[in-house]
Amino acid sequence: MTWGELAERLRWIPVAERLPVQGQYVLVAGGIALQRDGVWFSAMEGVPYRPIQWTVTHWQPLPSAPKPLLTPTDKEESNDR
């Protein structure tokens, strides 16, 4: 991945530019949210789908989950194959 691709992936996207796919969880200032029909809902505090009480101006896709770390035993087994 180039620095330009990384910068594009990490940038905050203005809602005036585009909205995320409806129902897609994204990062907004204040937490994780999703947007449906122009209404933003919080996915924080264990109570999903609570309407957000502030104006969302920017969003960012959630990062991918981390890959599991290999233990020394896992590494040995993968080398045996």
PDB file of N, CA and C in Angstrom:
ATOM      1  N   MET A   1       0.844  -1.171   0.000  1.00  0.00           N
ATOM      2  CA  MET A   1       0.000   0.000   0.000  1.00  0.00           C
ATOM      3  C   MET A   1       0.896   1.244   0.000  1.00  0.00           C
ATOM      4  N   THR A   2       0.553   2.194  -0.832  1.00  0.00           N
ATOM      5  CA  THR A   2       1.342   3.419  -0.904  1.00  0.00           C
ATOM      6  C   THR A   2       0.903   4.387   0.191  1.00  0.00           C
ATOM      7  N   TRP A   3       1.708   5.416   0.440  1.00  0.00           N
ATOM      8  CA  TRP A   3       1.351   6.439   1.437  1.00  0.00           C
ATOM      9  C   TRP A   3       0.065   7.150   1.030  1.00  0.00           C
ATOM     10  N   GLY A   4      -0.103   7.386  -0.261  1.00  0.00           N
ATOM     11  CA  GLY A   4      -1.320   8.039  -0.733  1.00  0.00           C
ATOM     12  C   GLY A   4      -2.563   7.195  -0.473  1.00  0.00           C
ATOM     13  N   GLU A   5      -2.450   5.873  -0.701  1.00  0.00           N
ATOM     14  CA  GLU A   5      -3.572   4.967  -0.435  1.00  0.00           C
ATOM     15  C   GLU A   5      -3.885   4.904   1.057  1.00  0.00           C
ATOM     16  N   LEU A   6      -2.845   4.892   1.873  1.00  0.00           N
ATOM     17  CA  LEU A   6      -3.034   4.879   3.317  1.00  0.00           C
ATOM     18  C   LEU A   6      -3.699   6.171   3.791  1.00  0.00           C
ATOM     19  N   ALA A   7      -3.227   7.293   3.275  1.00  0.00           N
ATOM     20  CA  ALA A   7      -3.821   8.583   3.649  1.00  0.00           C
ATOM     21  C   ALA A   7      -5.294   8.637   3.257  1.00  0.00           C
ATOM     22  N   GLU A   8      -5.631   8.109   2.085  1.00  0.00           N
ATOM     23  CA  GLU A   8      -7.027   8.096   1.636  1.00  0.00           C
ATOM     24  C   GLU A   8      -7.878   7.207   2.540  1.00  0.00           C
ATOM     25  N   ARG A   9      -7.334   6.071   2.919  1.00  0.00           N
ATOM     26  CA  ARG A   9      -8.071   5.142   3.775  1.00  0.00           C
ATOM     27  C   ARG A   9      -8.320   5.724   5.165  1.00  0.00           C
ATOM     28  N   LEU A  10      -7.394   6.533   5.670  1.00  0.00           N
ATOM     29  CA  LEU A  10      -7.487   7.059   7.035  1.00  0.00           C
ATOM     30  C   LEU A  10      -8.172   8.420   7.137  1.00  0.00           C
ATOM     31  N   ARG A  11      -8.501   9.012   6.020  1.00  0.00           N
ATOM     32  CA  ARG A  11      -9.063  10.358   6.087  1.00  0.00           C
ATOM     33  C   ARG A  11     -10.517  10.330   6.550  1.00  0.00           C
ATOM     34  N   TRP A  12     -10.934  11.424   7.170  1.00  0.00           N
ATOM     35  CA  TRP A  12     -12.320  11.609   7.562  1.00  0.00           C
ATOM     36  C   TRP A  12     -13.102  12.088   6.343  1.00  0.00           C
ATOM     37  N   ILE A  13     -14.202  11.439   6.058  1.00  0.00           N
ATOM     38  CA  ILE A  13     -14.992  11.744   4.871  1.00  0.00           C
ATOM     39  C   ILE A  13     -16.136  12.679   5.256  1.00  0.00           C
ATOM     40  N   PRO A  14     -16.214  13.858   4.652  1.00  0.00           N
ATOM     41  CA  PRO A  14     -17.329  14.761   4.958  1.00  0.00           C
ATOM     42  C   PRO A  14     -18.656  14.161   4.486  1.00  0.00           C
ATOM     43  N   VAL A  15     -19.705  14.307   5.296  1.00  0.00           N
ATOM     44  CA  VAL A  15     -21.009  13.781   4.877  1.00  0.00           C
ATOM     45  C   VAL A  15     -21.525  14.527   3.656  1.00  0.00           C
ATOM     46  N   ALA A  16     -21.057  15.758   3.443  1.00  0.00           N
ATOM     47  CA  ALA A  16     -21.447  16.506   2.248  1.00  0.00           C
ATOM     48  C   ALA A  16     -20.851  15.868   0.989  1.00  0.00           C
ATOM     49  N   GLU A  17     -19.734  15.155   1.140  1.00  0.00           N
ATOM     50  CA  GLU A  17     -19.094  14.481   0.002  1.00  0.00           C
ATOM     51  C   GLU A  17     -19.804  13.176  -0.331  1.00  0.00           C
ATOM     52  N   ARG A  18     -20.036  12.352   0.692  1.00  0.00           N
ATOM     53  CA  ARG A  18     -20.785  11.102   0.513  1.00  0.00           C
ATOM     54  C   ARG A  18     -21.108  10.508   1.874  1.00  0.00           C
ATOM     55  N   LEU A  19     -22.148   9.696   1.882  1.00  0.00           N
ATOM     56  CA  LEU A  19     -22.551   8.992   3.091  1.00  0.00           C
ATOM     57  C   LEU A  19     -22.099   7.542   3.004  1.00  0.00           C
ATOM     58  N   PRO A  20     -21.949   6.886   4.139  1.00  0.00           N
ATOM     59  CA  PRO A  20     -21.618   5.463   4.087  1.00  0.00           C
ATOM     60  C   PRO A  20     -22.819   4.672   3.577  1.00  0.00           C
ATOM     61  N   VAL A  21     -22.582   3.439   3.217  1.00  0.00           N
ATOM     62  CA  VAL A  21     -23.660   2.542   2.826  1.00  0.00           C
ATOM     63  C   VAL A  21     -24.636   2.459   4.000  1.00  0.00           C
ATOM     64  N   GLN A  22     -25.934   2.531   3.711  1.00  0.00           N
ATOM     65  CA  GLN A  22     -26.919   2.478   4.791  1.00  0.00           C
ATOM     66  C   GLN A  22     -26.747   1.205   5.610  1.00  0.00           C
ATOM     67  N   GLY A  23     -26.752   1.345   6.929  1.00  0.00           N
ATOM     68  CA  GLY A  23     -26.622   0.212   7.828  1.00  0.00           C
ATOM     69  C   GLY A  23     -25.198  -0.209   8.107  1.00  0.00           C
ATOM     70  N   GLN A  24     -24.213   0.421   7.452  1.00  0.00           N
ATOM     71  CA  GLN A  24     -22.799   0.096   7.669  1.00  0.00           C
ATOM     72  C   GLN A  24     -22.323   0.818   8.924  1.00  0.00           C
ATOM     73  N   TYR A  25     -21.713   0.078   9.857  1.00  0.00           N
ATOM     74  CA  TYR A  25     -21.146   0.705  11.042  1.00  0.00           C
ATOM     75  C   TYR A  25     -19.903   1.485  10.649  1.00  0.00           C
ATOM     76  N   VAL A  26     -19.812   2.716  11.126  1.00  0.00           N
ATOM     77  CA  VAL A  26     -18.679   3.587  10.822  1.00  0.00           C
ATOM     78  C   VAL A  26     -18.277   4.339  12.078  1.00  0.00           C
ATOM     79  N   LEU A  27     -17.109   4.940  12.024  1.00  0.00           N
ATOM     80  CA  LEU A  27     -16.605   5.768  13.101  1.00  0.00           C
ATOM     81  C   LEU A  27     -17.030   7.206  12.865  1.00  0.00           C
ATOM     82  N   VAL A  28     -17.584   7.843  13.893  1.00  0.00           N
ATOM     83  CA  VAL A  28     -17.923   9.268  13.845  1.00  0.00           C
ATOM     84  C   VAL A  28     -17.332   9.900  15.097  1.00  0.00           C
ATOM     85  N   ALA A  29     -17.245  11.214  15.131  1.00  0.00           N
ATOM     86  CA  ALA A  29     -16.788  11.873  16.353  1.00  0.00           C
ATOM     87  C   ALA A  29     -17.765  11.491  17.453  1.00  0.00           C
ATOM     88  N   GLY A  30     -17.280  10.858  18.486  1.00  0.00           N
ATOM     89  CA  GLY A  30     -18.144  10.447  19.574  1.00  0.00           C
ATOM     90  C   GLY A  30     -18.428   8.963  19.619  1.00  0.00           C
ATOM     91  N   GLY A  31     -17.954   8.193  18.644  1.00  0.00           N
ATOM     92  CA  GLY A  31     -18.146   6.757  18.734  1.00  0.00           C
ATOM     93  C   GLY A  31     -18.409   6.063  17.418  1.00  0.00           C
ATOM     94  N   ILE A  32     -19.129   4.948  17.520  1.00  0.00           N
ATOM     95  CA  ILE A  32     -19.475   4.141  16.354  1.00  0.00           C
ATOM     96  C   ILE A  32     -20.953   4.356  16.078  1.00  0.00           C
ATOM     97  N   ALA A  33     -21.282   4.489  14.802  1.00  0.00           N
ATOM     98  CA  ALA A  33     -22.661   4.787  14.438  1.00  0.00           C
ATOM     99  C   ALA A  33     -23.009   4.141  13.109  1.00  0.00           C
ATOM    100  N   LEU A  34     -24.289   4.193  12.778  1.00  0.00           N
ATOM    101  CA  LEU A  34     -24.731   3.819  11.445  1.00  0.00           C
ATOM    102  C   LEU A  34     -25.776   4.829  11.007  1.00  0.00           C
ATOM    103  N   GLN A  35     -25.986   4.911   9.710  1.00  0.00           N
ATOM    104  CA  GLN A  35     -26.876   5.907   9.126  1.00  0.00           C
ATOM    105  C   GLN A  35     -27.934   5.200   8.301  1.00  0.00           C
ATOM    106  N   ARG A  36     -29.179   5.586   8.508  1.00  0.00           N
ATOM    107  CA  ARG A  36     -30.296   5.057   7.707  1.00  0.00           C
ATOM    108  C   ARG A  36     -31.212   6.210   7.344  1.00  0.00           C
ATOM    109  N   ASP A  37     -31.442   6.367   6.061  1.00  0.00           N
ATOM    110  CA  ASP A  37     -32.356   7.409   5.567  1.00  0.00           C
ATOM    111  C   ASP A  37     -32.047   8.792   6.136  1.00  0.00           C
ATOM    112  N   GLY A  38     -30.753   9.101   6.245  1.00  0.00           N
ATOM    113  CA  GLY A  38     -30.338  10.416   6.706  1.00  0.00           C
ATOM    114  C   GLY A  38     -30.330  10.604   8.205  1.00  0.00           C
ATOM    115  N   VAL A  39     -30.702   9.588   8.968  1.00  0.00           N
ATOM    116  CA  VAL A  39     -30.691   9.668  10.437  1.00  0.00           C
ATOM    117  C   VAL A  39     -29.529   8.825  10.944  1.00  0.00           C
ATOM    118  N   TRP A  40     -28.742   9.399  11.834  1.00  0.00           N
ATOM    119  CA  TRP A  40     -27.594   8.701  12.414  1.00  0.00           C
ATOM    120  C   TRP A  40     -27.998   8.080  13.745  1.00  0.00           C
ATOM    121  N   PHE A  41     -27.569   6.834  13.957  1.00  0.00           N
ATOM    122  CA  PHE A  41     -27.876   6.104  15.177  1.00  0.00           C
ATOM    123  C   PHE A  41     -26.583   5.653  15.844  1.00  0.00           C
ATOM    124  N   SER A  42     -26.558   5.766  17.169  1.00  0.00           N
ATOM    125  CA  SER A  42     -25.401   5.338  17.940  1.00  0.00           C
ATOM    126  C   SER A  42     -25.378   3.828  18.067  1.00  0.00           C
ATOM    127  N   ALA A  43     -24.198   3.269  18.034  1.00  0.00           N
ATOM    128  CA  ALA A  43     -24.009   1.841  18.284  1.00  0.00           C
ATOM    129  C   ALA A  43     -23.098   1.678  19.498  1.00  0.00           C
ATOM    130  N   MET A  44     -23.139   2.641  20.393  1.00  0.00           N
ATOM    131  CA  MET A  44     -22.297   2.635  21.589  1.00  0.00           C
ATOM    132  C   MET A  44     -23.156   2.389  22.824  1.00  0.00           C
ATOM    133  N   GLU A  45     -22.493   2.185  23.934  1.00  0.00           N
ATOM    134  CA  GLU A  45     -23.123   2.047  25.243  1.00  0.00           C
ATOM    135  C   GLU A  45     -24.074   0.860  25.327  1.00  0.00           C
ATOM    136  N   GLY A  46     -23.899  -0.121  24.457  1.00  0.00           N
ATOM    137  CA  GLY A  46     -24.729  -1.311  24.512  1.00  0.00           C
ATOM    138  C   GLY A  46     -26.180  -1.101  24.097  1.00  0.00           C
ATOM    139  N   VAL A  47     -26.504   0.086  23.598  1.00  0.00           N
ATOM    140  CA  VAL A  47     -27.881   0.373  23.174  1.00  0.00           C
ATOM    141  C   VAL A  47     -27.842   0.833  21.719  1.00  0.00           C
ATOM    142  N   PRO A  48     -27.826  -0.124  20.775  1.00  0.00           N
ATOM    143  CA  PRO A  48     -27.781   0.294  19.378  1.00  0.00           C
ATOM    144  C   PRO A  48     -29.071   0.972  18.942  1.00  0.00           C
ATOM    145  N   TYR A  49     -28.952   1.731  17.912  1.00  0.00           N
ATOM    146  CA  TYR A  49     -30.085   2.388  17.263  1.00  0.00           C
ATOM    147  C   TYR A  49     -30.710   3.497  18.093  1.00  0.00           C
ATOM    148  N   ARG A  50     -29.928   4.134  18.944  1.00  0.00           N
ATOM    149  CA  ARG A  50     -30.387   5.332  19.629  1.00  0.00           C
ATOM    150  C   ARG A  50     -29.999   6.515  18.742  1.00  0.00           C
ATOM    151  N   PRO A  51     -30.959   7.375  18.338  1.00  0.00           N
ATOM    152  CA  PRO A  51     -30.602   8.501  17.468  1.00  0.00           C
ATOM    153  C   PRO A  51     -29.526   9.375  18.107  1.00  0.00           C
ATOM    154  N   ILE A  52     -28.566   9.781  17.300  1.00  0.00           N
ATOM    155  CA  ILE A  52     -27.484  10.650  17.769  1.00  0.00           C
ATOM    156  C   ILE A  52     -28.040  12.056  17.939  1.00  0.00           C
ATOM    157  N   GLN A  53     -27.646  12.710  19.018  1.00  0.00           N
ATOM    158  CA  GLN A  53     -28.184  14.022  19.371  1.00  0.00           C
ATOM    159  C   GLN A  53     -27.326  15.180  18.866  1.00  0.00           C
ATOM    160  N   TRP A  54     -26.309  14.893  18.066  1.00  0.00           N
ATOM    161  CA  TRP A  54     -25.470  15.951  17.520  1.00  0.00           C
ATOM    162  C   TRP A  54     -25.414  15.810  16.007  1.00  0.00           C
ATOM    163  N   THR A  55     -24.886  16.799  15.346  1.00  0.00           N
ATOM    164  CA  THR A  55     -24.761  16.772  13.887  1.00  0.00           C
ATOM    165  C   THR A  55     -23.484  16.046  13.502  1.00  0.00           C
ATOM    166  N   VAL A  56     -23.626  14.988  12.736  1.00  0.00           N
ATOM    167  CA  VAL A  56     -22.465  14.258  12.225  1.00  0.00           C
ATOM    168  C   VAL A  56     -21.990  14.986  10.976  1.00  0.00           C
ATOM    169  N   THR A  57     -20.727  15.401  10.973  1.00  0.00           N
ATOM    170  CA  THR A  57     -20.181  16.127   9.830  1.00  0.00           C
ATOM    171  C   THR A  57     -19.198  15.295   9.015  1.00  0.00           C
ATOM    172  N   HIS A  58     -18.561  14.303   9.666  1.00  0.00           N
ATOM    173  CA  HIS A  58     -17.555  13.469   9.008  1.00  0.00           C
ATOM    174  C   HIS A  58     -17.682  12.046   9.541  1.00  0.00           C
ATOM    175  N   TRP A  59     -17.224  11.089   8.746  1.00  0.00           N
ATOM    176  CA  TRP A  59     -17.219   9.697   9.157  1.00  0.00           C
ATOM    177  C   TRP A  59     -16.002   8.998   8.571  1.00  0.00           C
ATOM    178  N   GLN A  60     -15.741   7.795   9.074  1.00  0.00           N
ATOM    179  CA  GLN A  60     -14.598   7.012   8.619  1.00  0.00           C
ATOM    180  C   GLN A  60     -14.967   5.533   8.708  1.00  0.00           C
ATOM    181  N   PRO A  61     -14.602   4.716   7.721  1.00  0.00           N
ATOM    182  CA  PRO A  61     -14.879   3.276   7.836  1.00  0.00           C
ATOM    183  C   PRO A  61     -14.164   2.690   9.053  1.00  0.00           C
ATOM    184  N   LEU A  62     -14.761   1.674   9.642  1.00  0.00           N
ATOM    185  CA  LEU A  62     -14.091   0.990  10.743  1.00  0.00           C
ATOM    186  C   LEU A  62     -12.893   0.219  10.199  1.00  0.00           C
ATOM    187  N   PRO A  63     -11.828   0.132  10.981  1.00  0.00           N
ATOM    188  CA  PRO A  63     -10.676  -0.647  10.514  1.00  0.00           C
ATOM    189  C   PRO A  63     -10.995  -2.138  10.524  1.00  0.00           C
ATOM    190  N   SER A  64     -10.219  -2.901   9.794  1.00  0.00           N
ATOM    191  CA  SER A  64     -10.358  -4.354   9.812  1.00  0.00           C
ATOM    192  C   SER A  64      -9.951  -4.875  11.180  1.00  0.00           C
ATOM    193  N   ALA A  65     -10.496  -6.006  11.557  1.00  0.00           N
ATOM    194  CA  ALA A  65     -10.108  -6.643  12.817  1.00  0.00           C
ATOM    195  C   ALA A  65      -8.654  -7.099  12.717  1.00  0.00           C
ATOM    196  N   PRO A  66      -7.938  -7.090  13.823  1.00  0.00           N
ATOM    197  CA  PRO A  66      -6.542  -7.540  13.766  1.00  0.00           C
ATOM    198  C   PRO A  66      -6.459  -9.034  13.489  1.00  0.00           C
ATOM    199  N   LYS A  67      -5.380  -9.415  12.836  1.00  0.00           N
ATOM    200  CA  LYS A  67      -5.133 -10.832  12.591  1.00  0.00           C
ATOM    201  C   LYS A  67      -4.573 -11.443  13.875  1.00  0.00           C
ATOM    202  N   PRO A  68      -4.937 -12.685  14.178  1.00  0.00           N
ATOM    203  CA  PRO A  68      -4.407 -13.303  15.400  1.00  0.00           C
ATOM    204  C   PRO A  68      -2.885 -13.453  15.315  1.00  0.00           C
ATOM    205  N   LEU A  69      -2.252 -13.274  16.441  1.00  0.00           N
ATOM    206  CA  LEU A  69      -0.801 -13.456  16.500  1.00  0.00           C
ATOM    207  C   LEU A  69      -0.489 -14.949  16.543  1.00  0.00           C
ATOM    208  N   LEU A  70       0.578 -15.339  15.865  1.00  0.00           N
ATOM    209  CA  LEU A  70       0.998 -16.732  15.904  1.00  0.00           C
ATOM    210  C   LEU A  70       1.832 -16.971  17.155  1.00  0.00           C
ATOM    211  N   THR A  71       1.524 -18.027  17.857  1.00  0.00           N
ATOM    212  CA  THR A  71       2.335 -18.405  19.011  1.00  0.00           C
ATOM    213  C   THR A  71       3.557 -19.152  18.490  1.00  0.00           C
ATOM    214  N   PRO A  72       4.586 -19.318  19.310  1.00  0.00           N
ATOM    215  CA  PRO A  72       5.752 -20.090  18.847  1.00  0.00           C
ATOM    216  C   PRO A  72       5.360 -21.487  18.363  1.00  0.00           C
ATOM    217  N   THR A  73       4.382 -22.130  19.005  1.00  0.00           N
ATOM    218  CA  THR A  73       3.935 -23.467  18.588  1.00  0.00           C
ATOM    219  C   THR A  73       3.287 -23.397  17.201  1.00  0.00           C
ATOM    220  N   ASP A  74       2.452 -22.368  16.970  1.00  0.00           N
ATOM    221  CA  ASP A  74       1.821 -22.193  15.649  1.00  0.00           C
ATOM    222  C   ASP A  74       2.883 -22.018  14.571  1.00  0.00           C
ATOM    223  N   LYS A  75       3.918 -21.246  14.871  1.00  0.00           N
ATOM    224  CA  LYS A  75       4.966 -20.986  13.883  1.00  0.00           C
ATOM    225  C   LYS A  75       5.688 -22.285  13.529  1.00  0.00           C
ATOM    226  N   GLU A  76       5.972 -23.106  14.548  1.00  0.00           N
ATOM    227  CA  GLU A  76       6.655 -24.374  14.301  1.00  0.00           C
ATOM    228  C   GLU A  76       5.800 -25.293  13.435  1.00  0.00           C
ATOM    229  N   GLU A  77       4.492 -25.339  13.728  1.00  0.00           N
ATOM    230  CA  GLU A  77       3.604 -26.206  12.966  1.00  0.00           C
ATOM    231  C   GLU A  77       3.492 -25.739  11.519  1.00  0.00           C
ATOM    232  N   SER A  78       3.464 -24.418  11.291  1.00  0.00           N
ATOM    233  CA  SER A  78       3.365 -23.925   9.919  1.00  0.00           C
ATOM    234  C   SER A  78       4.665 -24.176   9.148  1.00  0.00           C
ATOM    235  N   ASN A  79       5.789 -24.209   9.841  1.00  0.00           N
ATOM    236  CA  ASN A  79       7.071 -24.512   9.175  1.00  0.00           C
ATOM    237  C   ASN A  79       7.179 -25.996   8.821  1.00  0.00           C
ATOM    238  N   ASP A  80       6.486 -26.855   9.575  1.00  0.00           N
ATOM    239  CA  ASP A  80       6.524 -28.295   9.313  1.00  0.00           C
ATOM    240  C   ASP A  80       5.729 -28.654   8.061  1.00  0.00           C
ATOM    241  N   ARG A  81       4.840 -27.803   7.618  1.00  0.00           N
ATOM    242  CA  ARG A  81       3.974 -28.118   6.470  1.00  0.00           C
ATOM    243  C   ARG A  81       4.672 -27.898   5.172  1.00  0.00           C
TER     244      ARG A  81
END
